[in-house]
Amino acid sequence: MDREIKTWLFDIQKAIEEIEEFLPLGQRIFENYKHDLKTKRAVERNLEIIGEAI
């Protein structure tokens, strides 16, 4: 596999892992997320990373 593709896939995997850390299973309540600016920004940034890699 092309090295560049591996890099993109690694970036996607890391971004997903970070989102899962910010939103642990069992605590994924939209109302809490909606009012937590730091978590929203962190998740949004990781979604940007995924979008750029794709």
PDB file of N, CA and C in Angstrom:
ATOM      1  N   MET A   1       0.847  -1.177   0.000  1.00  0.00           N
ATOM      2  CA  MET A   1       0.000   0.000   0.000  1.00  0.00           C
ATOM      3  C   MET A   1       0.891   1.238   0.000  1.00  0.00           C
ATOM      4  N   ASP A   2       0.471   2.244  -0.690  1.00  0.00           N
ATOM      5  CA  ASP A   2       1.208   3.493  -0.795  1.00  0.00           C
ATOM      6  C   ASP A   2       1.410   4.115   0.601  1.00  0.00           C
ATOM      7  N   ARG A   3       2.604   4.624   0.846  1.00  0.00           N
ATOM      8  CA  ARG A   3       2.921   5.218   2.155  1.00  0.00           C
ATOM      9  C   ARG A   3       1.990   6.377   2.495  1.00  0.00           C
ATOM     10  N   GLU A   4       1.646   7.189   1.514  1.00  0.00           N
ATOM     11  CA  GLU A   4       0.757   8.326   1.745  1.00  0.00           C
ATOM     12  C   GLU A   4      -0.630   7.855   2.196  1.00  0.00           C
ATOM     13  N   ILE A   5      -1.122   6.796   1.589  1.00  0.00           N
ATOM     14  CA  ILE A   5      -2.426   6.249   1.967  1.00  0.00           C
ATOM     15  C   ILE A   5      -2.377   5.718   3.394  1.00  0.00           C
ATOM     16  N   LYS A   6      -1.300   5.045   3.747  1.00  0.00           N
ATOM     17  CA  LYS A   6      -1.146   4.548   5.118  1.00  0.00           C
ATOM     18  C   LYS A   6      -1.162   5.700   6.118  1.00  0.00           C
ATOM     19  N   THR A   7      -0.532   6.789   5.759  1.00  0.00           N
ATOM     20  CA  THR A   7      -0.511   7.968   6.631  1.00  0.00           C
ATOM     21  C   THR A   7      -1.915   8.504   6.820  1.00  0.00           C
ATOM     22  N   TRP A   8      -2.677   8.605   5.732  1.00  0.00           N
ATOM     23  CA  TRP A   8      -4.056   9.103   5.832  1.00  0.00           C
ATOM     24  C   TRP A   8      -4.901   8.184   6.697  1.00  0.00           C
ATOM     25  N   LEU A   9      -4.767   6.875   6.495  1.00  0.00           N
ATOM     26  CA  LEU A   9      -5.535   5.918   7.293  1.00  0.00           C
ATOM     27  C   LEU A   9      -5.159   5.996   8.767  1.00  0.00           C
ATOM     28  N   PHE A  10      -3.879   6.192   9.056  1.00  0.00           N
ATOM     29  CA  PHE A  10      -3.433   6.354  10.438  1.00  0.00           C
ATOM     30  C   PHE A  10      -4.057   7.606  11.050  1.00  0.00           C
ATOM     31  N   ASP A  11      -4.068   8.711  10.294  1.00  0.00           N
ATOM     32  CA  ASP A  11      -4.670   9.952  10.788  1.00  0.00           C
ATOM     33  C   ASP A  11      -6.155   9.770  11.083  1.00  0.00           C
ATOM     34  N   ILE A  12      -6.849   9.055  10.214  1.00  0.00           N
ATOM     35  CA  ILE A  12      -8.275   8.795  10.414  1.00  0.00           C
ATOM     36  C   ILE A  12      -8.475   7.961  11.681  1.00  0.00           C
ATOM     37  N   GLN A  13      -7.679   6.921  11.836  1.00  0.00           N
ATOM     38  CA  GLN A  13      -7.798   6.054  13.008  1.00  0.00           C
ATOM     39  C   GLN A  13      -7.545   6.840  14.296  1.00  0.00           C
ATOM     40  N   LYS A  14      -6.510   7.663  14.326  1.00  0.00           N
ATOM     41  CA  LYS A  14      -6.187   8.448  15.522  1.00  0.00           C
ATOM     42  C   LYS A  14      -7.306   9.441  15.832  1.00  0.00           C
ATOM     43  N   ALA A  15      -7.869  10.063  14.809  1.00  0.00           N
ATOM     44  CA  ALA A  15      -8.950  11.022  15.027  1.00  0.00           C
ATOM     45  C   ALA A  15     -10.176  10.330  15.617  1.00  0.00           C
ATOM     46  N   ILE A  16     -10.492   9.148  15.117  1.00  0.00           N
ATOM     47  CA  ILE A  16     -11.629   8.383  15.645  1.00  0.00           C
ATOM     48  C   ILE A  16     -11.373   8.005  17.104  1.00  0.00           C
ATOM     49  N   GLU A  17     -10.174   7.563  17.401  1.00  0.00           N
ATOM     50  CA  GLU A  17      -9.832   7.196  18.777  1.00  0.00           C
ATOM     51  C   GLU A  17      -9.962   8.392  19.711  1.00  0.00           C
ATOM     52  N   GLU A  18      -9.531   9.564  19.259  1.00  0.00           N
ATOM     53  CA  GLU A  18      -9.649  10.763  20.092  1.00  0.00           C
ATOM     54  C   GLU A  18     -11.110  11.132  20.316  1.00  0.00           C
ATOM     55  N   ILE A  19     -11.926  11.047  19.278  1.00  0.00           N
ATOM     56  CA  ILE A  19     -13.355  11.345  19.436  1.00  0.00           C
ATOM     57  C   ILE A  19     -13.967  10.395  20.455  1.00  0.00           C
ATOM     58  N   GLU A  20     -13.604   9.120  20.386  1.00  0.00           N
ATOM     59  CA  GLU A  20     -14.130   8.149  21.348  1.00  0.00           C
ATOM     60  C   GLU A  20     -13.677   8.472  22.768  1.00  0.00           C
ATOM     61  N   GLU A  21     -12.476   9.016  22.924  1.00  0.00           N
ATOM     62  CA  GLU A  21     -12.009   9.421  24.255  1.00  0.00           C
ATOM     63  C   GLU A  21     -12.802  10.623  24.772  1.00  0.00           C
ATOM     64  N   PHE A  22     -13.109  11.547  23.879  1.00  0.00           N
ATOM     65  CA  PHE A  22     -13.856  12.735  24.287  1.00  0.00           C
ATOM     66  C   PHE A  22     -15.300  12.409  24.619  1.00  0.00           C
ATOM     67  N   LEU A  23     -15.838  11.369  23.986  1.00  0.00           N
ATOM     68  CA  LEU A  23     -17.234  10.970  24.167  1.00  0.00           C
ATOM     69  C   LEU A  23     -17.292   9.507  24.597  1.00  0.00           C
ATOM     70  N   PRO A  24     -16.954   9.215  25.856  1.00  0.00           N
ATOM     71  CA  PRO A  24     -16.929   7.817  26.292  1.00  0.00           C
ATOM     72  C   PRO A  24     -18.310   7.171  26.215  1.00  0.00           C
ATOM     73  N   LEU A  25     -18.301   5.892  25.897  1.00  0.00           N
ATOM     74  CA  LEU A  25     -19.533   5.116  25.819  1.00  0.00           C
ATOM     75  C   LEU A  25     -20.258   5.204  27.167  1.00  0.00           C
ATOM     76  N   GLY A  26     -21.555   5.400  27.130  1.00  0.00           N
ATOM     77  CA  GLY A  26     -22.334   5.534  28.351  1.00  0.00           C
ATOM     78  C   GLY A  26     -22.491   6.973  28.802  1.00  0.00           C
ATOM     79  N   GLN A  27     -21.663   7.876  28.254  1.00  0.00           N
ATOM     80  CA  GLN A  27     -21.748   9.293  28.609  1.00  0.00           C
ATOM     81  C   GLN A  27     -22.072  10.149  27.387  1.00  0.00           C
ATOM     82  N   ARG A  28     -22.525   9.514  26.345  1.00  0.00           N
ATOM     83  CA  ARG A  28     -22.806  10.225  25.094  1.00  0.00           C
ATOM     84  C   ARG A  28     -24.222  10.790  25.124  1.00  0.00           C
ATOM     85  N   ILE A  29     -24.363  11.870  25.832  1.00  0.00           N
ATOM     86  CA  ILE A  29     -25.650  12.544  25.941  1.00  0.00           C
ATOM     87  C   ILE A  29     -25.534  13.862  25.192  1.00  0.00           C
ATOM     88  N   PHE A  30     -26.381  14.036  24.190  1.00  0.00           N
ATOM     89  CA  PHE A  30     -26.257  15.200  23.312  1.00  0.00           C
ATOM     90  C   PHE A  30     -26.365  16.505  24.081  1.00  0.00           C
ATOM     91  N   GLU A  31     -27.222  16.579  25.070  1.00  0.00           N
ATOM     92  CA  GLU A  31     -27.375  17.820  25.834  1.00  0.00           C
ATOM     93  C   GLU A  31     -26.071  18.205  26.523  1.00  0.00           C
ATOM     94  N   ASN A  32     -25.362  17.232  27.072  1.00  0.00           N
ATOM     95  CA  ASN A  32     -24.064  17.509  27.700  1.00  0.00           C
ATOM     96  C   ASN A  32     -23.059  17.986  26.663  1.00  0.00           C
ATOM     97  N   TYR A  33     -23.041  17.302  25.530  1.00  0.00           N
ATOM     98  CA  TYR A  33     -22.120  17.664  24.444  1.00  0.00           C
ATOM     99  C   TYR A  33     -22.410  19.069  23.936  1.00  0.00           C
ATOM    100  N   LYS A  34     -23.676  19.371  23.764  1.00  0.00           N
ATOM    101  CA  LYS A  34     -24.091  20.659  23.204  1.00  0.00           C
ATOM    102  C   LYS A  34     -23.601  21.838  24.047  1.00  0.00           C
ATOM    103  N   HIS A  35     -23.488  21.639  25.352  1.00  0.00           N
ATOM    104  CA  HIS A  35     -23.100  22.727  26.246  1.00  0.00           C
ATOM    105  C   HIS A  35     -21.627  22.700  26.642  1.00  0.00           C
ATOM    106  N   ASP A  36     -20.850  21.780  26.089  1.00  0.00           N
ATOM    107  CA  ASP A  36     -19.429  21.662  26.418  1.00  0.00           C
ATOM    108  C   ASP A  36     -18.599  22.139  25.226  1.00  0.00           C
ATOM    109  N   LEU A  37     -18.258  23.412  25.236  1.00  0.00           N
ATOM    110  CA  LEU A  37     -17.578  24.032  24.098  1.00  0.00           C
ATOM    111  C   LEU A  37     -16.243  23.355  23.775  1.00  0.00           C
ATOM    112  N   LYS A  38     -15.458  23.016  24.790  1.00  0.00           N
ATOM    113  CA  LYS A  38     -14.150  22.392  24.527  1.00  0.00           C
ATOM    114  C   LYS A  38     -14.296  21.039  23.840  1.00  0.00           C
ATOM    115  N   THR A  39     -15.240  20.252  24.296  1.00  0.00           N
ATOM    116  CA  THR A  39     -15.450  18.945  23.669  1.00  0.00           C
ATOM    117  C   THR A  39     -15.956  19.117  22.244  1.00  0.00           C
ATOM    118  N   LYS A  40     -16.879  20.049  22.040  1.00  0.00           N
ATOM    119  CA  LYS A  40     -17.390  20.290  20.686  1.00  0.00           C
ATOM    120  C   LYS A  40     -16.264  20.669  19.741  1.00  0.00           C
ATOM    121  N   ARG A  41     -15.409  21.579  20.171  1.00  0.00           N
ATOM    122  CA  ARG A  41     -14.301  22.014  19.311  1.00  0.00           C
ATOM    123  C   ARG A  41     -13.335  20.862  19.024  1.00  0.00           C
ATOM    124  N   ALA A  42     -13.064  20.053  20.034  1.00  0.00           N
ATOM    125  CA  ALA A  42     -12.147  18.927  19.845  1.00  0.00           C
ATOM    126  C   ALA A  42     -12.723  17.913  18.868  1.00  0.00           C
ATOM    127  N   VAL A  43     -13.998  17.603  19.020  1.00  0.00           N
ATOM    128  CA  VAL A  43     -14.644  16.648  18.112  1.00  0.00           C
ATOM    129  C   VAL A  43     -14.697  17.228  16.702  1.00  0.00           C
ATOM    130  N   GLU A  44     -15.075  18.490  16.583  1.00  0.00           N
ATOM    131  CA  GLU A  44     -15.144  19.131  15.262  1.00  0.00           C
ATOM    132  C   GLU A  44     -13.790  19.116  14.576  1.00  0.00           C
ATOM    133  N   ARG A  45     -12.726  19.377  15.315  1.00  0.00           N
ATOM    134  CA  ARG A  45     -11.383  19.381  14.723  1.00  0.00           C
ATOM    135  C   ARG A  45     -11.013  17.992  14.211  1.00  0.00           C
ATOM    136  N   ASN A  46     -11.344  16.982  14.979  1.00  0.00           N
ATOM    137  CA  ASN A  46     -11.045  15.619  14.537  1.00  0.00           C
ATOM    138  C   ASN A  46     -11.885  15.238  13.327  1.00  0.00           C
ATOM    139  N   LEU A  47     -13.105  15.719  13.249  1.00  0.00           N
ATOM    140  CA  LEU A  47     -13.916  15.478  12.052  1.00  0.00           C
ATOM    141  C   LEU A  47     -13.303  16.165  10.827  1.00  0.00           C
ATOM    142  N   GLU A  48     -12.717  17.350  11.041  1.00  0.00           N
ATOM    143  CA  GLU A  48     -12.002  18.036   9.959  1.00  0.00           C
ATOM    144  C   GLU A  48     -10.818  17.195   9.481  1.00  0.00           C
ATOM    145  N   ILE A  49     -10.079  16.640  10.423  1.00  0.00           N
ATOM    146  CA  ILE A  49      -8.922  15.799  10.078  1.00  0.00           C
ATOM    147  C   ILE A  49      -9.386  14.600   9.243  1.00  0.00           C
ATOM    148  N   ILE A  50     -10.469  13.975   9.670  1.00  0.00           N
ATOM    149  CA  ILE A  50     -10.992  12.833   8.919  1.00  0.00           C
ATOM    150  C   ILE A  50     -11.402  13.276   7.525  1.00  0.00           C
ATOM    151  N   GLY A  51     -12.090  14.388   7.425  1.00  0.00           N
ATOM    152  CA  GLY A  51     -12.537  14.884   6.117  1.00  0.00           C
ATOM    153  C   GLY A  51     -11.360  15.193   5.198  1.00  0.00           C
ATOM    154  N   GLU A  52     -10.322  15.803   5.739  1.00  0.00           N
ATOM    155  CA  GLU A  52      -9.150  16.124   4.920  1.00  0.00           C
ATOM    156  C   GLU A  52      -8.443  14.846   4.457  1.00  0.00           C
ATOM    157  N   ALA A  53      -8.375  13.870   5.327  1.00  0.00           N
ATOM    158  CA  ALA A  53      -7.692  12.616   4.976  1.00  0.00           C
ATOM    159  C   ALA A  53      -8.470  11.839   3.916  1.00  0.00           C
ATOM    160  N   ILE A  54      -9.772  11.936   3.996  1.00  0.00           N
ATOM    161  CA  ILE A  54     -10.592  11.222   3.005  1.00  0.00           C
ATOM    162  C   ILE A  54     -10.509  11.946   1.685  1.00  0.00           C
TER     163      ILE A  54
END
